Amino acid sequence: MHATSRSSAFFAEVVDAVHVTGPYDYLLRVRVRDTSALDRLLRLLKKDAGVAQTQTRLALRSPSSPSPAPAASGPARP
């Protein structure tokens, strides 16, 4: 299994991971509380999951009401 695929199971913030075409291999949909939590998650993905490069896009609004963001960044707890 690819390191990025494992990250969706390892990090609670990763909501979805899909393999895509184009310049990047995967598209991760994540949910974090704030930009500090996003920064921590990106650093952990690069350090622990072998991610070499990222590009970030933020959703400004959604037609549905998502569940609350995870409380902390880091490995998911069983």
C-alpha atoms as a PDB file:
ATOM      1  CA  MET A   1       0.000   0.000   0.000  1.00  0.00           C
ATOM      2  CA  HIS A   2       1.300   3.485  -0.878  1.00  0.00           C
ATOM      3  CA  ALA A   3       2.296   5.767   2.002  1.00  0.00           C
ATOM      4  CA  THR A   4      -0.378   8.326   1.126  1.00  0.00           C
ATOM      5  CA  SER A   5      -3.073   5.647   1.117  1.00  0.00           C
ATOM      6  CA  ARG A   6      -1.976   4.616   4.594  1.00  0.00           C
ATOM      7  CA  SER A   7      -2.212   8.227   5.765  1.00  0.00           C
ATOM      8  CA  SER A   8      -5.995   8.189   5.355  1.00  0.00           C
ATOM      9  CA  ALA A   9      -6.163   5.399   7.933  1.00  0.00           C
ATOM     10  CA  PHE A  10      -3.355   6.765  10.133  1.00  0.00           C
ATOM     11  CA  PHE A  11      -4.402  10.420  10.482  1.00  0.00           C
ATOM     12  CA  ALA A  12      -7.847  11.234  11.887  1.00  0.00           C
ATOM     13  CA  GLU A  13      -7.961  14.498   9.902  1.00  0.00           C
ATOM     14  CA  VAL A  14      -7.868  12.692   6.535  1.00  0.00           C
ATOM     15  CA  VAL A  15     -11.500  12.278   5.480  1.00  0.00           C
ATOM     16  CA  ASP A  16     -10.825  10.819   2.028  1.00  0.00           C
ATOM     17  CA  ALA A  17      -7.866   9.924  -0.216  1.00  0.00           C
ATOM     18  CA  VAL A  18      -8.229   9.271  -3.953  1.00  0.00           C
ATOM     19  CA  HIS A  19      -5.680   8.403  -6.622  1.00  0.00           C
ATOM     20  CA  VAL A  20      -5.815  11.018  -9.410  1.00  0.00           C
ATOM     21  CA  THR A  21      -4.220  11.778 -12.773  1.00  0.00           C
ATOM     22  CA  GLY A  22      -2.039  14.808 -13.404  1.00  0.00           C
ATOM     23  CA  PRO A  23       0.995  16.250 -11.658  1.00  0.00           C
ATOM     24  CA  TYR A  24       0.012  14.859  -8.236  1.00  0.00           C
ATOM     25  CA  ASP A  25      -0.685  11.256  -7.238  1.00  0.00           C
ATOM     26  CA  TYR A  26      -3.346  11.690  -4.582  1.00  0.00           C
ATOM     27  CA  LEU A  27      -6.059  14.121  -3.565  1.00  0.00           C
ATOM     28  CA  LEU A  28      -6.628  14.180   0.177  1.00  0.00           C
ATOM     29  CA  ARG A  29      -9.714  15.724   1.696  1.00  0.00           C
ATOM     30  CA  VAL A  30      -8.940  16.712   5.272  1.00  0.00           C
ATOM     31  CA  ARG A  31     -10.813  18.422   8.058  1.00  0.00           C
ATOM     32  CA  VAL A  32      -8.876  20.533  10.576  1.00  0.00           C
ATOM     33  CA  ARG A  33      -9.826  23.182  13.137  1.00  0.00           C
ATOM     34  CA  ASP A  34      -7.584  26.006  11.928  1.00  0.00           C
ATOM     35  CA  THR A  35      -4.510  26.899   9.889  1.00  0.00           C
ATOM     36  CA  SER A  36      -2.171  25.843  12.700  1.00  0.00           C
ATOM     37  CA  ALA A  37      -3.704  22.368  12.668  1.00  0.00           C
ATOM     38  CA  LEU A  38      -3.389  22.283   8.864  1.00  0.00           C
ATOM     39  CA  ASP A  39       0.275  23.249   9.112  1.00  0.00           C
ATOM     40  CA  ARG A  40       0.896  20.479  11.683  1.00  0.00           C
ATOM     41  CA  LEU A  41      -0.878  17.916   9.502  1.00  0.00           C
ATOM     42  CA  LEU A  42       1.094  18.887   6.391  1.00  0.00           C
ATOM     43  CA  ARG A  43       4.361  18.645   8.319  1.00  0.00           C
ATOM     44  CA  LEU A  44       3.403  15.206   9.679  1.00  0.00           C
ATOM     45  CA  LEU A  45       2.398  13.944   6.224  1.00  0.00           C
ATOM     46  CA  LYS A  46       5.779  15.010   4.852  1.00  0.00           C
ATOM     47  CA  LYS A  47       7.726  13.611   7.800  1.00  0.00           C
ATOM     48  CA  ASP A  48       5.826  10.385   8.579  1.00  0.00           C
ATOM     49  CA  ALA A  49       3.976   9.447   5.365  1.00  0.00           C
ATOM     50  CA  GLY A  50       6.701  10.249   2.841  1.00  0.00           C
ATOM     51  CA  VAL A  51       4.786  13.038   1.084  1.00  0.00           C
ATOM     52  CA  ALA A  52       7.242  15.033  -1.029  1.00  0.00           C
ATOM     53  CA  GLN A  53       5.089  17.952  -2.164  1.00  0.00           C
ATOM     54  CA  THR A  54       1.671  19.399  -1.362  1.00  0.00           C
ATOM     55  CA  GLN A  55      -0.733  21.911  -2.854  1.00  0.00           C
ATOM     56  CA  THR A  56      -3.487  23.244  -0.605  1.00  0.00           C
ATOM     57  CA  ARG A  57      -6.961  24.469  -1.517  1.00  0.00           C
ATOM     58  CA  LEU A  58      -9.473  25.604   1.077  1.00  0.00           C
ATOM     59  CA  ALA A  59     -13.229  25.172   0.886  1.00  0.00           C
ATOM     60  CA  LEU A  60     -14.895  28.466   1.796  1.00  0.00           C
ATOM     61  CA  ARG A  61     -18.385  27.051   2.177  1.00  0.00           C
ATOM     62  CA  SER A  62     -20.277  23.840   1.698  1.00  0.00           C
ATOM     63  CA  PRO A  63     -23.912  23.172   0.876  1.00  0.00           C
ATOM     64  CA  SER A  64     -23.998  20.528   3.638  1.00  0.00           C
ATOM     65  CA  SER A  65     -23.175  20.803   7.325  1.00  0.00           C
ATOM     66  CA  PRO A  66     -20.020  18.786   8.048  1.00  0.00           C
ATOM     67  CA  SER A  67     -19.330  17.131  11.370  1.00  0.00           C
ATOM     68  CA  PRO A  68     -16.908  18.976  13.703  1.00  0.00           C
ATOM     69  CA  ALA A  69     -13.190  18.883  12.958  1.00  0.00           C
ATOM     70  CA  PRO A  70     -10.951  16.523  14.952  1.00  0.00           C
ATOM     71  CA  ALA A  71      -9.612  17.957  18.188  1.00  0.00           C
ATOM     72  CA  ALA A  72      -5.915  17.281  17.606  1.00  0.00           C
ATOM     73  CA  SER A  73      -3.467  16.555  14.824  1.00  0.00           C
ATOM     74  CA  GLY A  74      -1.627  13.259  14.795  1.00  0.00           C
ATOM     75  CA  PRO A  75      -2.184   9.558  14.482  1.00  0.00           C
ATOM     76  CA  ALA A  76      -5.724   8.285  14.836  1.00  0.00           C
ATOM     77  CA  ARG A  77      -6.508   6.573  18.104  1.00  0.00           C
ATOM     78  CA  PRO A  78      -8.149   3.114  17.985  1.00  0.00           C
END
